[in-house]
Amino acid sequence: MQRFEARVHLATVALVSFILAFTAARIFTTFFPDRVLMSGGLHIHHFWFGIALMAVGGWLGINYRHKDVDVIAAILYGVGGGLIVDEVGLLLTFNDYWSGLTWTILGFLLPFSLMLVLFSRYRKKITDELDEFATSKLSFTLGIFLVALSVGFLLQTNNPLVIISSSALTVIGAAIVFLFLIQRLMKAREKKSKLIFSALTLQE
């Protein structure tokens, strides 16, 4: 059976490059807001450079398998992603570079990326600890709390962002409760099966 190799170091390089590129773009735009690249009457936003860098990084990563080329590809891909996300508010609103949407998306994207990196490196330990947590009473309490809290927000707001995030929390909380109940049911059946097996063994 073919095994997939998780190259966590490249994911980490890409993530660090992403963060540095985003930070550099924000700092540059803050201090030099009027410094723009004009060509033929067109304002060339830096997300175009981001797209180009991601394309080159992806092409290198697909076509070559060499440790130095892989690192360069990861850097280009990460930097390109940082430049694109820096202007995601502008892209979504068509005129507001300083839109809070940029920070909202970044706030979701970074934790998700970090989770992928950590899960790739410590998959066994994480899954074992999650399995242990899923069967604890603390997970059940947390699930009920998340559902109650998010439903409370849903009933008292018309804000789309709050509605989306609260709905997501409701689903997560319900999933935690459901997983807890399933795990408890499976353990109860397993315990019952062991008792029956022990009883039959003693009879023999």
C-alpha atoms as a PDB file:
ATOM      1  CA  MET A   1       0.000   0.000   0.000  1.00  0.00           C
ATOM      2  CA  GLN A   2       1.414   3.355  -1.052  1.00  0.00           C
ATOM      3  CA  ARG A   3       2.095   5.789   1.801  1.00  0.00           C
ATOM      4  CA  PHE A   4       1.915   9.546   1.401  1.00  0.00           C
ATOM      5  CA  GLU A   5       4.844  11.500   2.770  1.00  0.00           C
ATOM      6  CA  ALA A   6       3.907  14.667   4.661  1.00  0.00           C
ATOM      7  CA  ARG A   7       6.576  17.296   4.000  1.00  0.00           C
ATOM      8  CA  VAL A   8       5.790  19.444   7.014  1.00  0.00           C
ATOM      9  CA  HIS A   9       8.937  21.559   6.700  1.00  0.00           C
ATOM     10  CA  LEU A  10       7.720  22.863   3.322  1.00  0.00           C
ATOM     11  CA  ALA A  11       4.278  23.663   4.704  1.00  0.00           C
ATOM     12  CA  THR A  12       5.962  25.570   7.538  1.00  0.00           C
ATOM     13  CA  VAL A  13       8.198  27.490   5.103  1.00  0.00           C
ATOM     14  CA  ALA A  14       5.167  28.413   2.984  1.00  0.00           C
ATOM     15  CA  LEU A  15       3.190  29.526   6.049  1.00  0.00           C
ATOM     16  CA  VAL A  16       6.036  31.679   7.412  1.00  0.00           C
ATOM     17  CA  SER A  17       6.552  33.207   3.943  1.00  0.00           C
ATOM     18  CA  PHE A  18       2.816  33.935   3.768  1.00  0.00           C
ATOM     19  CA  ILE A  19       2.835  35.740   7.130  1.00  0.00           C
ATOM     20  CA  LEU A  20       5.969  37.766   6.304  1.00  0.00           C
ATOM     21  CA  ALA A  21       4.653  38.788   2.873  1.00  0.00           C
ATOM     22  CA  PHE A  22       1.286  39.835   4.278  1.00  0.00           C
ATOM     23  CA  THR A  23       2.965  41.836   7.064  1.00  0.00           C
ATOM     24  CA  ALA A  24       5.409  43.506   4.671  1.00  0.00           C
ATOM     25  CA  ALA A  25       2.616  44.458   2.252  1.00  0.00           C
ATOM     26  CA  ARG A  26       0.517  45.950   5.069  1.00  0.00           C
ATOM     27  CA  ILE A  27       3.446  47.942   6.478  1.00  0.00           C
ATOM     28  CA  PHE A  28       4.448  49.252   3.041  1.00  0.00           C
ATOM     29  CA  THR A  29       0.884  50.315   2.193  1.00  0.00           C
ATOM     30  CA  THR A  30       0.472  51.975   5.602  1.00  0.00           C
ATOM     31  CA  PHE A  31       3.593  54.115   5.256  1.00  0.00           C
ATOM     32  CA  PHE A  32       3.409  54.661   1.478  1.00  0.00           C
ATOM     33  CA  PRO A  33      -0.299  54.655   0.596  1.00  0.00           C
ATOM     34  CA  ASP A  34       0.209  56.710  -2.580  1.00  0.00           C
ATOM     35  CA  ARG A  35       3.066  54.604  -3.973  1.00  0.00           C
ATOM     36  CA  VAL A  36       1.366  52.597  -6.734  1.00  0.00           C
ATOM     37  CA  LEU A  37       2.508  50.974  -9.957  1.00  0.00           C
ATOM     38  CA  MET A  38       0.850  52.546 -12.993  1.00  0.00           C
ATOM     39  CA  SER A  39       1.218  51.195 -16.520  1.00  0.00           C
ATOM     40  CA  GLY A  40      -0.750  52.363 -19.535  1.00  0.00           C
ATOM     41  CA  GLY A  41      -3.261  54.069 -17.278  1.00  0.00           C
ATOM     42  CA  LEU A  42      -3.818  50.871 -15.288  1.00  0.00           C
ATOM     43  CA  HIS A  43      -3.300  50.572 -11.535  1.00  0.00           C
ATOM     44  CA  ILE A  44      -1.535  47.240 -11.084  1.00  0.00           C
ATOM     45  CA  HIS A  45      -2.426  45.913  -7.629  1.00  0.00           C
ATOM     46  CA  HIS A  46       0.049  43.650  -5.878  1.00  0.00           C
ATOM     47  CA  PHE A  47      -2.372  40.733  -5.806  1.00  0.00           C
ATOM     48  CA  TRP A  48      -1.421  40.275  -9.482  1.00  0.00           C
ATOM     49  CA  PHE A  49       2.170  39.727  -8.385  1.00  0.00           C
ATOM     50  CA  GLY A  50       0.820  37.285  -5.794  1.00  0.00           C
ATOM     51  CA  ILE A  51      -1.002  35.297  -8.478  1.00  0.00           C
ATOM     52  CA  ALA A  52       2.156  35.214 -10.601  1.00  0.00           C
ATOM     53  CA  LEU A  53       4.307  34.057  -7.677  1.00  0.00           C
ATOM     54  CA  MET A  54       1.840  31.329  -6.705  1.00  0.00           C
ATOM     55  CA  ALA A  55       1.714  30.144 -10.319  1.00  0.00           C
ATOM     56  CA  VAL A  56       5.522  29.959 -10.528  1.00  0.00           C
ATOM     57  CA  GLY A  57       5.791  28.285  -7.108  1.00  0.00           C
ATOM     58  CA  GLY A  58       3.118  25.736  -8.024  1.00  0.00           C
ATOM     59  CA  TRP A  59       4.766  25.032 -11.383  1.00  0.00           C
ATOM     60  CA  LEU A  60       8.156  24.450  -9.740  1.00  0.00           C
ATOM     61  CA  GLY A  61       6.636  22.200  -7.089  1.00  0.00           C
ATOM     62  CA  ILE A  62       4.812  20.101  -9.703  1.00  0.00           C
ATOM     63  CA  ASN A  63       7.614  19.798 -12.253  1.00  0.00           C
ATOM     64  CA  TYR A  64      10.688  19.328 -10.065  1.00  0.00           C
ATOM     65  CA  ARG A  65      11.481  17.147  -7.068  1.00  0.00           C
ATOM     66  CA  HIS A  66      14.620  18.548  -5.496  1.00  0.00           C
ATOM     67  CA  LYS A  67      15.001  19.723  -1.909  1.00  0.00           C
ATOM     68  CA  ASP A  68      16.320  23.189  -2.855  1.00  0.00           C
ATOM     69  CA  VAL A  69      13.703  23.709  -5.575  1.00  0.00           C
ATOM     70  CA  ASP A  70      10.973  22.540  -3.182  1.00  0.00           C
ATOM     71  CA  VAL A  71      11.974  25.175  -0.625  1.00  0.00           C
ATOM     72  CA  ILE A  72      12.029  27.906  -3.285  1.00  0.00           C
ATOM     73  CA  ALA A  73       8.609  26.777  -4.534  1.00  0.00           C
ATOM     74  CA  ALA A  74       7.213  26.865  -0.982  1.00  0.00           C
ATOM     75  CA  ILE A  75       8.598  30.384  -0.432  1.00  0.00           C
ATOM     76  CA  LEU A  76       7.158  31.697  -3.721  1.00  0.00           C
ATOM     77  CA  TYR A  77       3.808  30.059  -3.035  1.00  0.00           C
ATOM     78  CA  GLY A  78       3.629  31.480   0.491  1.00  0.00           C
ATOM     79  CA  VAL A  79       4.688  34.990  -0.549  1.00  0.00           C
ATOM     80  CA  GLY A  80       2.166  34.950  -3.386  1.00  0.00           C
ATOM     81  CA  GLY A  81      -0.606  33.903  -1.028  1.00  0.00           C
ATOM     82  CA  GLY A  82       0.325  36.671   1.415  1.00  0.00           C
ATOM     83  CA  LEU A  83       0.139  39.332  -1.309  1.00  0.00           C
ATOM     84  CA  ILE A  84      -3.248  38.063  -2.469  1.00  0.00           C
ATOM     85  CA  VAL A  85      -4.791  37.862   0.997  1.00  0.00           C
ATOM     86  CA  ASP A  86      -3.479  41.361   1.785  1.00  0.00           C
ATOM     87  CA  GLU A  87      -5.858  42.712  -0.864  1.00  0.00           C
ATOM     88  CA  VAL A  88      -8.733  40.290  -0.350  1.00  0.00           C
ATOM     89  CA  GLY A  89     -10.831  43.094   1.196  1.00  0.00           C
ATOM     90  CA  LEU A  90     -10.231  45.197  -1.909  1.00  0.00           C
ATOM     91  CA  LEU A  91     -11.117  42.278  -4.163  1.00  0.00           C
ATOM     92  CA  LEU A  92     -14.378  41.575  -2.334  1.00  0.00           C
ATOM     93  CA  THR A  93     -15.531  45.193  -1.988  1.00  0.00           C
ATOM     94  CA  PHE A  94     -13.918  46.519  -5.202  1.00  0.00           C
ATOM     95  CA  ASN A  95     -12.769  49.740  -3.518  1.00  0.00           C
ATOM     96  CA  ASP A  96     -11.913  49.307   0.181  1.00  0.00           C
ATOM     97  CA  TYR A  97      -8.351  48.104   0.773  1.00  0.00           C
ATOM     98  CA  TRP A  98      -8.744  48.635   4.533  1.00  0.00           C
ATOM     99  CA  SER A  99     -11.898  46.507   4.756  1.00  0.00           C
ATOM    100  CA  GLY A 100     -12.183  44.431   7.921  1.00  0.00           C
ATOM    101  CA  LEU A 101     -12.907  41.423   5.700  1.00  0.00           C
ATOM    102  CA  THR A 102      -9.162  41.050   5.161  1.00  0.00           C
ATOM    103  CA  TRP A 103      -8.505  40.554   8.881  1.00  0.00           C
ATOM    104  CA  THR A 104     -11.556  38.319   9.235  1.00  0.00           C
ATOM    105  CA  ILE A 105     -10.396  35.984   6.474  1.00  0.00           C
ATOM    106  CA  LEU A 106      -6.814  36.074   7.764  1.00  0.00           C
ATOM    107  CA  GLY A 107      -8.097  35.192  11.231  1.00  0.00           C
ATOM    108  CA  PHE A 108      -9.731  32.044   9.834  1.00  0.00           C
ATOM    109  CA  LEU A 109      -6.970  31.176   7.376  1.00  0.00           C
ATOM    110  CA  LEU A 110      -3.970  31.270   9.718  1.00  0.00           C
ATOM    111  CA  PRO A 111      -5.368  28.979  12.439  1.00  0.00           C
ATOM    112  CA  PHE A 112      -6.554  26.553   9.745  1.00  0.00           C
ATOM    113  CA  SER A 113      -3.092  26.498   8.152  1.00  0.00           C
ATOM    114  CA  LEU A 114      -1.410  26.010  11.534  1.00  0.00           C
ATOM    115  CA  MET A 115      -3.777  23.148  12.328  1.00  0.00           C
ATOM    116  CA  LEU A 116      -2.871  21.428   9.051  1.00  0.00           C
ATOM    117  CA  VAL A 117       0.861  21.773   9.761  1.00  0.00           C
ATOM    118  CA  LEU A 118       0.539  20.475  13.314  1.00  0.00           C
ATOM    119  CA  PHE A 119      -1.782  17.640  12.303  1.00  0.00           C
ATOM    120  CA  SER A 120       0.634  16.533   9.584  1.00  0.00           C
ATOM    121  CA  ARG A 121       3.493  16.365  12.073  1.00  0.00           C
ATOM    122  CA  TYR A 122       1.730  15.042  15.187  1.00  0.00           C
ATOM    123  CA  ARG A 123      -1.220  13.153  13.670  1.00  0.00           C
ATOM    124  CA  LYS A 124      -1.042  10.093  15.958  1.00  0.00           C
ATOM    125  CA  LYS A 125      -0.691  12.044  19.196  1.00  0.00           C
ATOM    126  CA  ILE A 126      -3.443  14.503  18.241  1.00  0.00           C
ATOM    127  CA  THR A 127      -5.919  11.795  17.235  1.00  0.00           C
ATOM    128  CA  ASP A 128      -5.242   9.823  20.444  1.00  0.00           C
ATOM    129  CA  GLU A 129      -5.799  12.900  22.606  1.00  0.00           C
ATOM    130  CA  LEU A 130      -8.928  13.907  20.673  1.00  0.00           C
ATOM    131  CA  ASP A 131     -10.320  10.410  21.090  1.00  0.00           C
ATOM    132  CA  GLU A 132      -9.672  10.595  24.831  1.00  0.00           C
ATOM    133  CA  PHE A 133     -11.257  14.047  25.037  1.00  0.00           C
ATOM    134  CA  ALA A 134     -14.303  12.970  23.009  1.00  0.00           C
ATOM    135  CA  THR A 135     -15.217  10.387  25.655  1.00  0.00           C
ATOM    136  CA  SER A 136     -14.791  12.736  28.617  1.00  0.00           C
ATOM    137  CA  LYS A 137     -17.632  14.543  30.360  1.00  0.00           C
ATOM    138  CA  LEU A 138     -15.795  17.812  29.706  1.00  0.00           C
ATOM    139  CA  SER A 139     -16.353  17.432  25.951  1.00  0.00           C
ATOM    140  CA  PHE A 140     -20.088  16.871  26.497  1.00  0.00           C
ATOM    141  CA  THR A 141     -20.293  19.977  28.706  1.00  0.00           C
ATOM    142  CA  LEU A 142     -18.337  22.020  26.149  1.00  0.00           C
ATOM    143  CA  GLY A 143     -20.611  20.858  23.329  1.00  0.00           C
ATOM    144  CA  ILE A 144     -23.772  21.843  25.220  1.00  0.00           C
ATOM    145  CA  PHE A 145     -22.208  25.214  26.117  1.00  0.00           C
ATOM    146  CA  LEU A 146     -21.263  25.967  22.484  1.00  0.00           C
ATOM    147  CA  VAL A 147     -24.737  25.078  21.221  1.00  0.00           C
ATOM    148  CA  ALA A 148     -26.491  27.176  23.877  1.00  0.00           C
ATOM    149  CA  LEU A 149     -24.174  30.152  23.403  1.00  0.00           C
ATOM    150  CA  SER A 150     -24.312  30.168  19.602  1.00  0.00           C
ATOM    151  CA  VAL A 151     -28.086  29.718  19.490  1.00  0.00           C
ATOM    152  CA  GLY A 152     -28.370  32.682  21.858  1.00  0.00           C
ATOM    153  CA  PHE A 153     -26.353  34.826  19.459  1.00  0.00           C
ATOM    154  CA  LEU A 154     -28.381  33.618  16.474  1.00  0.00           C
ATOM    155  CA  LEU A 155     -31.641  34.679  18.111  1.00  0.00           C
ATOM    156  CA  GLN A 156     -30.387  38.199  18.850  1.00  0.00           C
ATOM    157  CA  THR A 157     -28.512  39.340  15.746  1.00  0.00           C
ATOM    158  CA  ASN A 158     -28.906  40.162  12.067  1.00  0.00           C
ATOM    159  CA  ASN A 159     -25.166  40.517  11.421  1.00  0.00           C
ATOM    160  CA  PRO A 160     -24.183  38.088   8.612  1.00  0.00           C
ATOM    161  CA  LEU A 161     -20.709  37.446  10.061  1.00  0.00           C
ATOM    162  CA  VAL A 162     -22.124  36.668  13.527  1.00  0.00           C
ATOM    163  CA  ILE A 163     -24.786  34.435  11.977  1.00  0.00           C
ATOM    164  CA  ILE A 164     -22.188  32.461  10.004  1.00  0.00           C
ATOM    165  CA  SER A 165     -19.781  32.071  12.929  1.00  0.00           C
ATOM    166  CA  SER A 166     -22.592  31.206  15.367  1.00  0.00           C
ATOM    167  CA  SER A 167     -24.017  28.641  12.950  1.00  0.00           C
ATOM    168  CA  ALA A 168     -20.565  27.081  12.648  1.00  0.00           C
ATOM    169  CA  LEU A 169     -20.258  26.933  16.443  1.00  0.00           C
ATOM    170  CA  THR A 170     -23.695  25.324  16.668  1.00  0.00           C
ATOM    171  CA  VAL A 171     -22.648  22.602  14.240  1.00  0.00           C
ATOM    172  CA  ILE A 172     -19.350  22.061  16.082  1.00  0.00           C
ATOM    173  CA  GLY A 173     -21.077  21.885  19.465  1.00  0.00           C
ATOM    174  CA  ALA A 174     -23.705  19.469  18.179  1.00  0.00           C
ATOM    175  CA  ALA A 175     -20.985  17.317  16.587  1.00  0.00           C
ATOM    176  CA  ILE A 176     -19.085  17.182  19.897  1.00  0.00           C
ATOM    177  CA  VAL A 177     -22.224  16.071  21.771  1.00  0.00           C
ATOM    178  CA  PHE A 178     -23.075  13.504  19.081  1.00  0.00           C
ATOM    179  CA  LEU A 179     -19.526  12.118  19.087  1.00  0.00           C
ATOM    180  CA  PHE A 180     -19.571  11.863  22.888  1.00  0.00           C
ATOM    181  CA  LEU A 181     -22.829   9.907  22.831  1.00  0.00           C
ATOM    182  CA  ILE A 182     -21.603   7.588  20.055  1.00  0.00           C
ATOM    183  CA  GLN A 183     -18.326   6.915  21.891  1.00  0.00           C
ATOM    184  CA  ARG A 184     -20.155   6.179  25.148  1.00  0.00           C
ATOM    185  CA  LEU A 185     -22.577   3.854  23.344  1.00  0.00           C
ATOM    186  CA  MET A 186     -19.718   1.986  21.661  1.00  0.00           C
ATOM    187  CA  LYS A 187     -17.858   1.622  24.963  1.00  0.00           C
ATOM    188  CA  ALA A 188     -21.004   0.350  26.673  1.00  0.00           C
ATOM    189  CA  ARG A 189     -21.509  -2.269  23.935  1.00  0.00           C
ATOM    190  CA  GLU A 190     -17.858  -3.253  24.109  1.00  0.00           C
ATOM    191  CA  LYS A 191     -18.086  -3.676  27.876  1.00  0.00           C
ATOM    192  CA  LYS A 192     -21.273  -5.732  27.529  1.00  0.00           C
ATOM    193  CA  SER A 193     -19.637  -7.960  24.903  1.00  0.00           C
ATOM    194  CA  LYS A 194     -16.665  -8.580  27.196  1.00  0.00           C
ATOM    195  CA  LEU A 195     -18.962  -9.513  30.069  1.00  0.00           C
ATOM    196  CA  ILE A 196     -20.880 -11.966  27.876  1.00  0.00           C
ATOM    197  CA  PHE A 197     -17.645 -13.468  26.559  1.00  0.00           C
ATOM    198  CA  SER A 198     -16.315 -13.852  30.117  1.00  0.00           C
ATOM    199  CA  ALA A 199     -19.542 -15.513  31.238  1.00  0.00           C
ATOM    200  CA  LEU A 200     -19.456 -17.976  28.328  1.00  0.00           C
ATOM    201  CA  THR A 201     -15.784 -18.751  29.032  1.00  0.00           C
ATOM    202  CA  LEU A 202     -16.537 -19.519  32.681  1.00  0.00           C
ATOM    203  CA  GLN A 203     -19.398 -21.823  31.695  1.00  0.00           C
ATOM    204  CA  GLU A 204     -17.098 -23.811  29.465  1.00  0.00           C
END
